[in-house]
Amino acid sequence: MLKLRMQKQLKLLLVDPPHGASFPTLSSQSNITDLSSIHAQIGLEETFYSKGIFKIKIQIPKRYPLQLPIVTFGTPIYRSNIDNGGRICLDILNI
């Protein structure tokens, strides 16, 4: 069941990615069973960070979807809700 869900979500990411996001290491032939992390890049022109490309690592836990993915920024970003390790630190996300 999980493999089927991941295949569906992978296809959706490739066919209709979120605005400004790209997934350079993913392809339709990506092996779902080995998919424990996804590398993404985001960059939006109409924001304060325009012309910037930010690398993101998304780690998929073994208990997904019962456990949330862990997202960290690989590119240094100076925001109050991103710590020095690139981790998102919003209290609302700590369940």
PDB file of N, CA and C in Angstrom:
ATOM      1  N   MET A   1       0.819  -1.199   0.000  1.00  0.00           N
ATOM      2  CA  MET A   1       0.000   0.000   0.000  1.00  0.00           C
ATOM      3  C   MET A   1       0.862   1.262   0.000  1.00  0.00           C
ATOM      4  N   LEU A   2       1.917   1.257   0.863  1.00  0.00           N
ATOM      5  CA  LEU A   2       2.794   2.418   0.952  1.00  0.00           C
ATOM      6  C   LEU A   2       3.518   2.654  -0.369  1.00  0.00           C
ATOM      7  N   LYS A   3       3.978   1.591  -1.001  1.00  0.00           N
ATOM      8  CA  LYS A   3       4.688   1.718  -2.266  1.00  0.00           C
ATOM      9  C   LYS A   3       3.776   2.348  -3.316  1.00  0.00           C
ATOM     10  N   LEU A   4       2.528   1.941  -3.355  1.00  0.00           N
ATOM     11  CA  LEU A   4       1.563   2.490  -4.296  1.00  0.00           C
ATOM     12  C   LEU A   4       1.336   3.977  -4.033  1.00  0.00           C
ATOM     13  N   ARG A   5       1.218   4.340  -2.769  1.00  0.00           N
ATOM     14  CA  ARG A   5       1.027   5.744  -2.403  1.00  0.00           C
ATOM     15  C   ARG A   5       2.235   6.582  -2.820  1.00  0.00           C
ATOM     16  N   MET A   6       3.452   6.083  -2.557  1.00  0.00           N
ATOM     17  CA  MET A   6       4.671   6.812  -2.925  1.00  0.00           C
ATOM     18  C   MET A   6       4.788   6.961  -4.436  1.00  0.00           C
ATOM     19  N   GLN A   7       4.426   5.945  -5.190  1.00  0.00           N
ATOM     20  CA  GLN A   7       4.464   6.029  -6.650  1.00  0.00           C
ATOM     21  C   GLN A   7       3.517   7.119  -7.144  1.00  0.00           C
ATOM     22  N   LYS A   8       2.331   7.163  -6.567  1.00  0.00           N
ATOM     23  CA  LYS A   8       1.343   8.168  -6.951  1.00  0.00           C
ATOM     24  C   LYS A   8       1.842   9.576  -6.623  1.00  0.00           C
ATOM     25  N   GLN A   9       2.420   9.755  -5.432  1.00  0.00           N
ATOM     26  CA  GLN A   9       2.902  11.071  -5.030  1.00  0.00           C
ATOM     27  C   GLN A   9       4.138  11.485  -5.821  1.00  0.00           C
ATOM     28  N   LEU A  10       4.999  10.535  -6.151  1.00  0.00           N
ATOM     29  CA  LEU A  10       6.165  10.819  -6.986  1.00  0.00           C
ATOM     30  C   LEU A  10       5.733  11.294  -8.367  1.00  0.00           C
ATOM     31  N   LYS A  11       4.763  10.605  -8.942  1.00  0.00           N
ATOM     32  CA  LYS A  11       4.257  10.985 -10.257  1.00  0.00           C
ATOM     33  C   LYS A  11       3.671  12.400 -10.216  1.00  0.00           C
ATOM     34  N   LEU A  12       2.930  12.707  -9.172  1.00  0.00           N
ATOM     35  CA  LEU A  12       2.350  14.038  -9.022  1.00  0.00           C
ATOM     36  C   LEU A  12       3.444  15.104  -8.907  1.00  0.00           C
ATOM     37  N   LEU A  13       4.506  14.824  -8.157  1.00  0.00           N
ATOM     38  CA  LEU A  13       5.617  15.775  -8.037  1.00  0.00           C
ATOM     39  C   LEU A  13       6.273  16.049  -9.383  1.00  0.00           C
ATOM     40  N   LEU A  14       6.404  15.016 -10.203  1.00  0.00           N
ATOM     41  CA  LEU A  14       7.063  15.169 -11.495  1.00  0.00           C
ATOM     42  C   LEU A  14       6.167  15.831 -12.540  1.00  0.00           C
ATOM     43  N   VAL A  15       4.886  15.496 -12.520  1.00  0.00           N
ATOM     44  CA  VAL A  15       3.944  16.033 -13.513  1.00  0.00           C
ATOM     45  C   VAL A  15       3.512  17.459 -13.169  1.00  0.00           C
ATOM     46  N   ASP A  16       3.260  17.709 -11.896  1.00  0.00           N
ATOM     47  CA  ASP A  16       2.753  19.011 -11.469  1.00  0.00           C
ATOM     48  C   ASP A  16       3.480  19.470 -10.197  1.00  0.00           C
ATOM     49  N   PRO A  17       4.768  19.858 -10.339  1.00  0.00           N
ATOM     50  CA  PRO A  17       5.516  20.254  -9.145  1.00  0.00           C
ATOM     51  C   PRO A  17       4.992  21.568  -8.565  1.00  0.00           C
ATOM     52  N   PRO A  18       5.211  21.792  -7.278  1.00  0.00           N
ATOM     53  CA  PRO A  18       4.812  23.074  -6.683  1.00  0.00           C
ATOM     54  C   PRO A  18       5.511  24.228  -7.403  1.00  0.00           C
ATOM     55  N   HIS A  19       4.876  25.378  -7.443  1.00  0.00           N
ATOM     56  CA  HIS A  19       5.413  26.555  -8.119  1.00  0.00           C
ATOM     57  C   HIS A  19       6.810  26.888  -7.605  1.00  0.00           C
ATOM     58  N   GLY A  20       7.770  26.984  -8.498  1.00  0.00           N
ATOM     59  CA  GLY A  20       9.137  27.347  -8.134  1.00  0.00           C
ATOM     60  C   GLY A  20       9.999  26.196  -7.658  1.00  0.00           C
ATOM     61  N   ALA A  21       9.461  24.983  -7.628  1.00  0.00           N
ATOM     62  CA  ALA A  21      10.216  23.830  -7.130  1.00  0.00           C
ATOM     63  C   ALA A  21      10.653  22.923  -8.272  1.00  0.00           C
ATOM     64  N   SER A  22      11.827  22.334  -8.111  1.00  0.00           N
ATOM     65  CA  SER A  22      12.293  21.323  -9.060  1.00  0.00           C
ATOM     66  C   SER A  22      12.950  20.199  -8.264  1.00  0.00           C
ATOM     67  N   PHE A  23      12.986  19.031  -8.871  1.00  0.00           N
ATOM     68  CA  PHE A  23      13.499  17.830  -8.219  1.00  0.00           C
ATOM     69  C   PHE A  23      14.516  17.182  -9.152  1.00  0.00           C
ATOM     70  N   PRO A  24      15.760  17.702  -9.157  1.00  0.00           N
ATOM     71  CA  PRO A  24      16.750  17.272 -10.149  1.00  0.00           C
ATOM     72  C   PRO A  24      17.149  15.806 -10.078  1.00  0.00           C
ATOM     73  N   THR A  25      17.008  15.155  -8.934  1.00  0.00           N
ATOM     74  CA  THR A  25      17.439  13.754  -8.831  1.00  0.00           C
ATOM     75  C   THR A  25      16.287  12.767  -9.015  1.00  0.00           C
ATOM     76  N   LEU A  26      15.067  13.262  -9.203  1.00  0.00           N
ATOM     77  CA  LEU A  26      13.921  12.373  -9.391  1.00  0.00           C
ATOM     78  C   LEU A  26      13.612  12.182 -10.865  1.00  0.00           C
ATOM     79  N   SER A  27      13.134  11.009 -11.184  1.00  0.00           N
ATOM     80  CA  SER A  27      12.634  10.727 -12.524  1.00  0.00           C
ATOM     81  C   SER A  27      11.518   9.707 -12.393  1.00  0.00           C
ATOM     82  N   SER A  28      10.802   9.497 -13.467  1.00  0.00           N
ATOM     83  CA  SER A  28       9.702   8.531 -13.421  1.00  0.00           C
ATOM     84  C   SER A  28      10.227   7.112 -13.210  1.00  0.00           C
ATOM     85  N   GLN A  29      11.536   6.888 -13.415  1.00  0.00           N
ATOM     86  CA  GLN A  29      12.130   5.574 -13.198  1.00  0.00           C
ATOM     87  C   GLN A  29      12.761   5.445 -11.812  1.00  0.00           C
ATOM     88  N   SER A  30      12.594   6.441 -10.940  1.00  0.00           N
ATOM     89  CA  SER A  30      13.166   6.377  -9.593  1.00  0.00           C
ATOM     90  C   SER A  30      12.623   5.160  -8.856  1.00  0.00           C
ATOM     91  N   ASN A  31      13.502   4.509  -8.125  1.00  0.00           N
ATOM     92  CA  ASN A  31      13.132   3.306  -7.373  1.00  0.00           C
ATOM     93  C   ASN A  31      12.450   3.726  -6.071  1.00  0.00           C
ATOM     94  N   ILE A  32      11.174   3.437  -5.951  1.00  0.00           N
ATOM     95  CA  ILE A  32      10.392   3.835  -4.788  1.00  0.00           C
ATOM     96  C   ILE A  32      10.912   3.177  -3.517  1.00  0.00           C
ATOM     97  N   THR A  33      11.374   1.938  -3.596  1.00  0.00           N
ATOM     98  CA  THR A  33      11.823   1.237  -2.388  1.00  0.00           C
ATOM     99  C   THR A  33      13.090   1.856  -1.805  1.00  0.00           C
ATOM    100  N   ASP A  34      13.892   2.535  -2.617  1.00  0.00           N
ATOM    101  CA  ASP A  34      15.115   3.173  -2.140  1.00  0.00           C
ATOM    102  C   ASP A  34      14.923   4.669  -1.881  1.00  0.00           C
ATOM    103  N   LEU A  35      13.718   5.146  -1.966  1.00  0.00           N
ATOM    104  CA  LEU A  35      13.446   6.572  -1.865  1.00  0.00           C
ATOM    105  C   LEU A  35      13.301   6.987  -0.393  1.00  0.00           C
ATOM    106  N   SER A  36      14.434   7.210   0.260  1.00  0.00           N
ATOM    107  CA  SER A  36      14.389   7.645   1.652  1.00  0.00           C
ATOM    108  C   SER A  36      14.662   9.142   1.762  1.00  0.00           C
ATOM    109  N   SER A  37      15.217   9.742   0.715  1.00  0.00           N
ATOM    110  CA  SER A  37      15.406  11.188   0.724  1.00  0.00           C
ATOM    111  C   SER A  37      15.251  11.732  -0.693  1.00  0.00           C
ATOM    112  N   ILE A  38      14.751  12.939  -0.753  1.00  0.00           N
ATOM    113  CA  ILE A  38      14.520  13.630  -2.022  1.00  0.00           C
ATOM    114  C   ILE A  38      15.260  14.959  -1.961  1.00  0.00           C
ATOM    115  N   HIS A  39      15.985  15.266  -3.004  1.00  0.00           N
ATOM    116  CA  HIS A  39      16.663  16.556  -3.087  1.00  0.00           C
ATOM    117  C   HIS A  39      15.836  17.468  -3.983  1.00  0.00           C
ATOM    118  N   ALA A  40      15.579  18.659  -3.490  1.00  0.00           N
ATOM    119  CA  ALA A  40      14.750  19.617  -4.225  1.00  0.00           C
ATOM    120  C   ALA A  40      15.465  20.955  -4.290  1.00  0.00           C
ATOM    121  N   GLN A  41      15.007  21.777  -5.208  1.00  0.00           N
ATOM    122  CA  GLN A  41      15.483  23.150  -5.318  1.00  0.00           C
ATOM    123  C   GLN A  41      14.269  24.044  -5.441  1.00  0.00           C
ATOM    124  N   ILE A  42      14.297  25.167  -4.736  1.00  0.00           N
ATOM    125  CA  ILE A  42      13.220  26.132  -4.885  1.00  0.00           C
ATOM    126  C   ILE A  42      13.813  27.501  -5.182  1.00  0.00           C
ATOM    127  N   GLY A  43      13.065  28.267  -5.921  1.00  0.00           N
ATOM    128  CA  GLY A  43      13.459  29.628  -6.255  1.00  0.00           C
ATOM    129  C   GLY A  43      12.289  30.325  -6.897  1.00  0.00           C
ATOM    130  N   LEU A  44      11.857  31.410  -6.299  1.00  0.00           N
ATOM    131  CA  LEU A  44      10.717  32.167  -6.816  1.00  0.00           C
ATOM    132  C   LEU A  44      11.166  33.574  -7.169  1.00  0.00           C
ATOM    133  N   GLU A  45      10.766  34.033  -8.322  1.00  0.00           N
ATOM    134  CA  GLU A  45      11.180  35.350  -8.796  1.00  0.00           C
ATOM    135  C   GLU A  45      10.473  36.494  -8.089  1.00  0.00           C
ATOM    136  N   GLU A  46       9.233  36.308  -7.715  1.00  0.00           N
ATOM    137  CA  GLU A  46       8.439  37.414  -7.184  1.00  0.00           C
ATOM    138  C   GLU A  46       8.479  37.504  -5.661  1.00  0.00           C
ATOM    139  N   THR A  47       9.617  37.121  -5.064  1.00  0.00           N
ATOM    140  CA  THR A  47       9.754  37.175  -3.619  1.00  0.00           C
ATOM    141  C   THR A  47      10.981  37.983  -3.230  1.00  0.00           C
ATOM    142  N   PHE A  48      11.148  38.179  -1.932  1.00  0.00           N
ATOM    143  CA  PHE A  48      12.314  38.872  -1.397  1.00  0.00           C
ATOM    144  C   PHE A  48      13.602  38.141  -1.776  1.00  0.00           C
ATOM    145  N   TYR A  49      13.513  36.821  -1.955  1.00  0.00           N
ATOM    146  CA  TYR A  49      14.676  35.997  -2.281  1.00  0.00           C
ATOM    147  C   TYR A  49      14.802  35.730  -3.784  1.00  0.00           C
ATOM    148  N   SER A  50      14.304  36.637  -4.608  1.00  0.00           N
ATOM    149  CA  SER A  50      14.348  36.401  -6.054  1.00  0.00           C
ATOM    150  C   SER A  50      15.789  36.220  -6.529  1.00  0.00           C
ATOM    151  N   LYS A  51      15.946  35.427  -7.563  1.00  0.00           N
ATOM    152  CA  LYS A  51      17.226  35.046  -8.167  1.00  0.00           C
ATOM    153  C   LYS A  51      18.049  34.123  -7.270  1.00  0.00           C
ATOM    154  N   GLY A  52      17.480  33.699  -6.172  1.00  0.00           N
ATOM    155  CA  GLY A  52      18.164  32.741  -5.304  1.00  0.00           C
ATOM    156  C   GLY A  52      17.637  31.345  -5.557  1.00  0.00           C
ATOM    157  N   ILE A  53      18.526  30.374  -5.535  1.00  0.00           N
ATOM    158  CA  ILE A  53      18.138  28.969  -5.642  1.00  0.00           C
ATOM    159  C   ILE A  53      18.510  28.326  -4.316  1.00  0.00           C
ATOM    160  N   PHE A  54      17.543  27.714  -3.658  1.00  0.00           N
ATOM    161  CA  PHE A  54      17.750  27.116  -2.356  1.00  0.00           C
ATOM    162  C   PHE A  54      17.616  25.609  -2.457  1.00  0.00           C
ATOM    163  N   LYS A  55      18.644  24.920  -1.980  1.00  0.00           N
ATOM    164  CA  LYS A  55      18.638  23.457  -1.997  1.00  0.00           C
ATOM    165  C   LYS A  55      18.005  22.952  -0.712  1.00  0.00           C
ATOM    166  N   ILE A  56      17.150  21.946  -0.872  1.00  0.00           N
ATOM    167  CA  ILE A  56      16.405  21.379   0.245  1.00  0.00           C
ATOM    168  C   ILE A  56      16.535  19.859   0.207  1.00  0.00           C
ATOM    169  N   LYS A  57      16.654  19.263   1.391  1.00  0.00           N
ATOM    170  CA  LYS A  57      16.668  17.806   1.493  1.00  0.00           C
ATOM    171  C   LYS A  57      15.421  17.382   2.260  1.00  0.00           C
ATOM    172  N   ILE A  58      14.676  16.472   1.675  1.00  0.00           N
ATOM    173  CA  ILE A  58      13.458  15.956   2.290  1.00  0.00           C
ATOM    174  C   ILE A  58      13.703  14.485   2.609  1.00  0.00           C
ATOM    175  N   GLN A  59      13.715  14.153   3.895  1.00  0.00           N
ATOM    176  CA  GLN A  59      13.935  12.769   4.322  1.00  0.00           C
ATOM    177  C   GLN A  59      12.582  12.127   4.617  1.00  0.00           C
ATOM    178  N   ILE A  60      12.336  11.013   3.948  1.00  0.00           N
ATOM    179  CA  ILE A  60      11.084  10.282   4.109  1.00  0.00           C
ATOM    180  C   ILE A  60      11.291   9.190   5.153  1.00  0.00           C
ATOM    181  N   PRO A  61      10.594   9.275   6.299  1.00  0.00           N
ATOM    182  CA  PRO A  61      10.764   8.243   7.344  1.00  0.00           C
ATOM    183  C   PRO A  61      10.119   6.917   6.942  1.00  0.00           C
ATOM    184  N   LYS A  62      10.578   5.857   7.549  1.00  0.00           N
ATOM    185  CA  LYS A  62      10.029   4.524   7.255  1.00  0.00           C
ATOM    186  C   LYS A  62       8.539   4.439   7.591  1.00  0.00           C
ATOM    187  N   ARG A  63       8.096   5.216   8.553  1.00  0.00           N
ATOM    188  CA  ARG A  63       6.688   5.171   8.977  1.00  0.00           C
ATOM    189  C   ARG A  63       5.819   6.172   8.214  1.00  0.00           C
ATOM    190  N   TYR A  64       6.322   6.762   7.127  1.00  0.00           N
ATOM    191  CA  TYR A  64       5.519   7.684   6.328  1.00  0.00           C
ATOM    192  C   TYR A  64       4.299   6.934   5.801  1.00  0.00           C
ATOM    193  N   PRO A  65       3.137   7.492   5.825  1.00  0.00           N
ATOM    194  CA  PRO A  65       2.674   8.852   6.117  1.00  0.00           C
ATOM    195  C   PRO A  65       2.294   9.085   7.587  1.00  0.00           C
ATOM    196  N   LEU A  66       2.492   8.096   8.448  1.00  0.00           N
ATOM    197  CA  LEU A  66       2.161   8.286   9.858  1.00  0.00           C
ATOM    198  C   LEU A  66       3.152   9.225  10.548  1.00  0.00           C
ATOM    199  N   GLN A  67       4.350   9.303  10.018  1.00  0.00           N
ATOM    200  CA  GLN A  67       5.384  10.199  10.534  1.00  0.00           C
ATOM    201  C   GLN A  67       5.736  11.192   9.424  1.00  0.00           C
ATOM    202  N   LEU A  68       5.849  12.461   9.768  1.00  0.00           N
ATOM    203  CA  LEU A  68       6.087  13.503   8.776  1.00  0.00           C
ATOM    204  C   LEU A  68       7.499  13.458   8.212  1.00  0.00           C
ATOM    205  N   PRO A  69       7.680  13.858   6.940  1.00  0.00           N
ATOM    206  CA  PRO A  69       9.028  13.995   6.386  1.00  0.00           C
ATOM    207  C   PRO A  69       9.802  15.082   7.134  1.00  0.00           C
ATOM    208  N   ILE A  70      11.123  14.945   7.144  1.00  0.00           N
ATOM    209  CA  ILE A  70      11.999  15.921   7.773  1.00  0.00           C
ATOM    210  C   ILE A  70      12.622  16.761   6.656  1.00  0.00           C
ATOM    211  N   VAL A  71      12.434  18.069   6.739  1.00  0.00           N
ATOM    212  CA  VAL A  71      12.909  18.981   5.696  1.00  0.00           C
ATOM    213  C   VAL A  71      14.021  19.847   6.260  1.00  0.00           C
ATOM    214  N   THR A  72      15.164  19.890   5.550  1.00  0.00           N
ATOM    215  CA  THR A  72      16.268  20.757   5.951  1.00  0.00           C
ATOM    216  C   THR A  72      16.775  21.531   4.734  1.00  0.00           C
ATOM    217  N   PHE A  73      17.184  22.758   4.976  1.00  0.00           N
ATOM    218  CA  PHE A  73      17.765  23.582   3.921  1.00  0.00           C
ATOM    219  C   PHE A  73      19.254  23.284   3.829  1.00  0.00           C
ATOM    220  N   GLY A  74      19.741  22.997   2.629  1.00  0.00           N
ATOM    221  CA  GLY A  74      21.165  22.807   2.387  1.00  0.00           C
ATOM    222  C   GLY A  74      21.849  24.125   2.117  1.00  0.00           C
ATOM    223  N   THR A  75      21.116  25.066   1.595  1.00  0.00           N
ATOM    224  CA  THR A  75      21.624  26.409   1.337  1.00  0.00           C
ATOM    225  C   THR A  75      21.402  27.247   2.593  1.00  0.00           C
ATOM    226  N   PRO A  76      22.442  27.953   3.054  1.00  0.00           N
ATOM    227  CA  PRO A  76      22.231  28.811   4.228  1.00  0.00           C
ATOM    228  C   PRO A  76      21.126  29.831   3.965  1.00  0.00           C
ATOM    229  N   ILE A  77      20.212  29.939   4.886  1.00  0.00           N
ATOM    230  CA  ILE A  77      19.101  30.878   4.752  1.00  0.00           C
ATOM    231  C   ILE A  77      18.928  31.570   6.103  1.00  0.00           C
ATOM    232  N   TYR A  78      18.744  32.847   6.069  1.00  0.00           N
ATOM    233  CA  TYR A  78      18.657  33.628   7.293  1.00  0.00           C
ATOM    234  C   TYR A  78      17.213  34.031   7.528  1.00  0.00           C
ATOM    235  N   ARG A  79      16.523  33.175   8.274  1.00  0.00           N
ATOM    236  CA  ARG A  79      15.123  33.390   8.651  1.00  0.00           C
ATOM    237  C   ARG A  79      14.988  33.040  10.123  1.00  0.00           C
ATOM    238  N   SER A  80      14.067  33.682  10.766  1.00  0.00           N
ATOM    239  CA  SER A  80      13.893  33.442  12.199  1.00  0.00           C
ATOM    240  C   SER A  80      13.404  32.032  12.508  1.00  0.00           C
ATOM    241  N   ASN A  81      12.759  31.372  11.567  1.00  0.00           N
ATOM    242  CA  ASN A  81      12.237  30.031  11.840  1.00  0.00           C
ATOM    243  C   ASN A  81      13.072  28.923  11.191  1.00  0.00           C
ATOM    244  N   ILE A  82      14.314  29.246  10.779  1.00  0.00           N
ATOM    245  CA  ILE A  82      15.260  28.258  10.257  1.00  0.00           C
ATOM    246  C   ILE A  82      16.507  28.339  11.126  1.00  0.00           C
ATOM    247  N   ASP A  83      16.908  27.214  11.747  1.00  0.00           N
ATOM    248  CA  ASP A  83      18.087  27.262  12.617  1.00  0.00           C
ATOM    249  C   ASP A  83      19.373  27.134  11.807  1.00  0.00           C
ATOM    250  N   ASN A  84      20.530  27.166  12.488  1.00  0.00           N
ATOM    251  CA  ASN A  84      21.832  27.117  11.811  1.00  0.00           C
ATOM    252  C   ASN A  84      22.067  25.808  11.059  1.00  0.00           C
ATOM    253  N   GLY A  85      21.385  24.746  11.439  1.00  0.00           N
ATOM    254  CA  GLY A  85      21.505  23.457  10.757  1.00  0.00           C
ATOM    255  C   GLY A  85      20.573  23.311   9.568  1.00  0.00           C
ATOM    256  N   GLY A  86      19.799  24.375   9.262  1.00  0.00           N
ATOM    257  CA  GLY A  86      18.880  24.332   8.136  1.00  0.00           C
ATOM    258  C   GLY A  86      17.531  23.716   8.462  1.00  0.00           C
ATOM    259  N   ARG A  87      17.305  23.414   9.737  1.00  0.00           N
ATOM    260  CA  ARG A  87      16.046  22.787  10.134  1.00  0.00           C
ATOM    261  C   ARG A  87      14.970  23.838  10.372  1.00  0.00           C
ATOM    262  N   ILE A  88      13.752  23.489   9.994  1.00  0.00           N
ATOM    263  CA  ILE A  88      12.609  24.358  10.248  1.00  0.00           C
ATOM    264  C   ILE A  88      12.262  24.222  11.717  1.00  0.00           C
ATOM    265  N   CYS A  89      12.202  25.343  12.429  1.00  0.00           N
ATOM    266  CA  CYS A  89      11.921  25.273  13.868  1.00  0.00           C
ATOM    267  C   CYS A  89      10.682  26.087  14.200  1.00  0.00           C
ATOM    268  N   LEU A  90       9.575  25.535  13.822  1.00  0.00           N
ATOM    269  CA  LEU A  90       8.282  26.097  14.187  1.00  0.00           C
ATOM    270  C   LEU A  90       7.649  25.187  15.215  1.00  0.00           C
ATOM    271  N   ASP A  91       7.272  25.748  16.338  1.00  0.00           N
ATOM    272  CA  ASP A  91       6.685  24.922  17.399  1.00  0.00           C
ATOM    273  C   ASP A  91       5.459  24.158  16.922  1.00  0.00           C
ATOM    274  N   ILE A  92       4.723  24.718  15.985  1.00  0.00           N
ATOM    275  CA  ILE A  92       3.502  24.073  15.496  1.00  0.00           C
ATOM    276  C   ILE A  92       3.804  22.762  14.782  1.00  0.00           C
ATOM    277  N   LEU A  93       5.041  22.610  14.233  1.00  0.00           N
ATOM    278  CA  LEU A  93       5.400  21.390  13.518  1.00  0.00           C
ATOM    279  C   LEU A  93       5.896  20.290  14.441  1.00  0.00           C
ATOM    280  N   ASN A  94       6.212  20.613  15.692  1.00  0.00           N
ATOM    281  CA  ASN A  94       6.689  19.607  16.653  1.00  0.00           C
ATOM    282  C   ASN A  94       5.499  18.948  17.326  1.00  0.00           C
ATOM    283  N   ILE A  95       5.109  17.842  16.760  1.00  0.00           N
ATOM    284  CA  ILE A  95       3.938  17.124  17.272  1.00  0.00           C
ATOM    285  C   ILE A  95       4.390  16.076  18.273  1.00  0.00           C
TER     286      ILE A  95
END
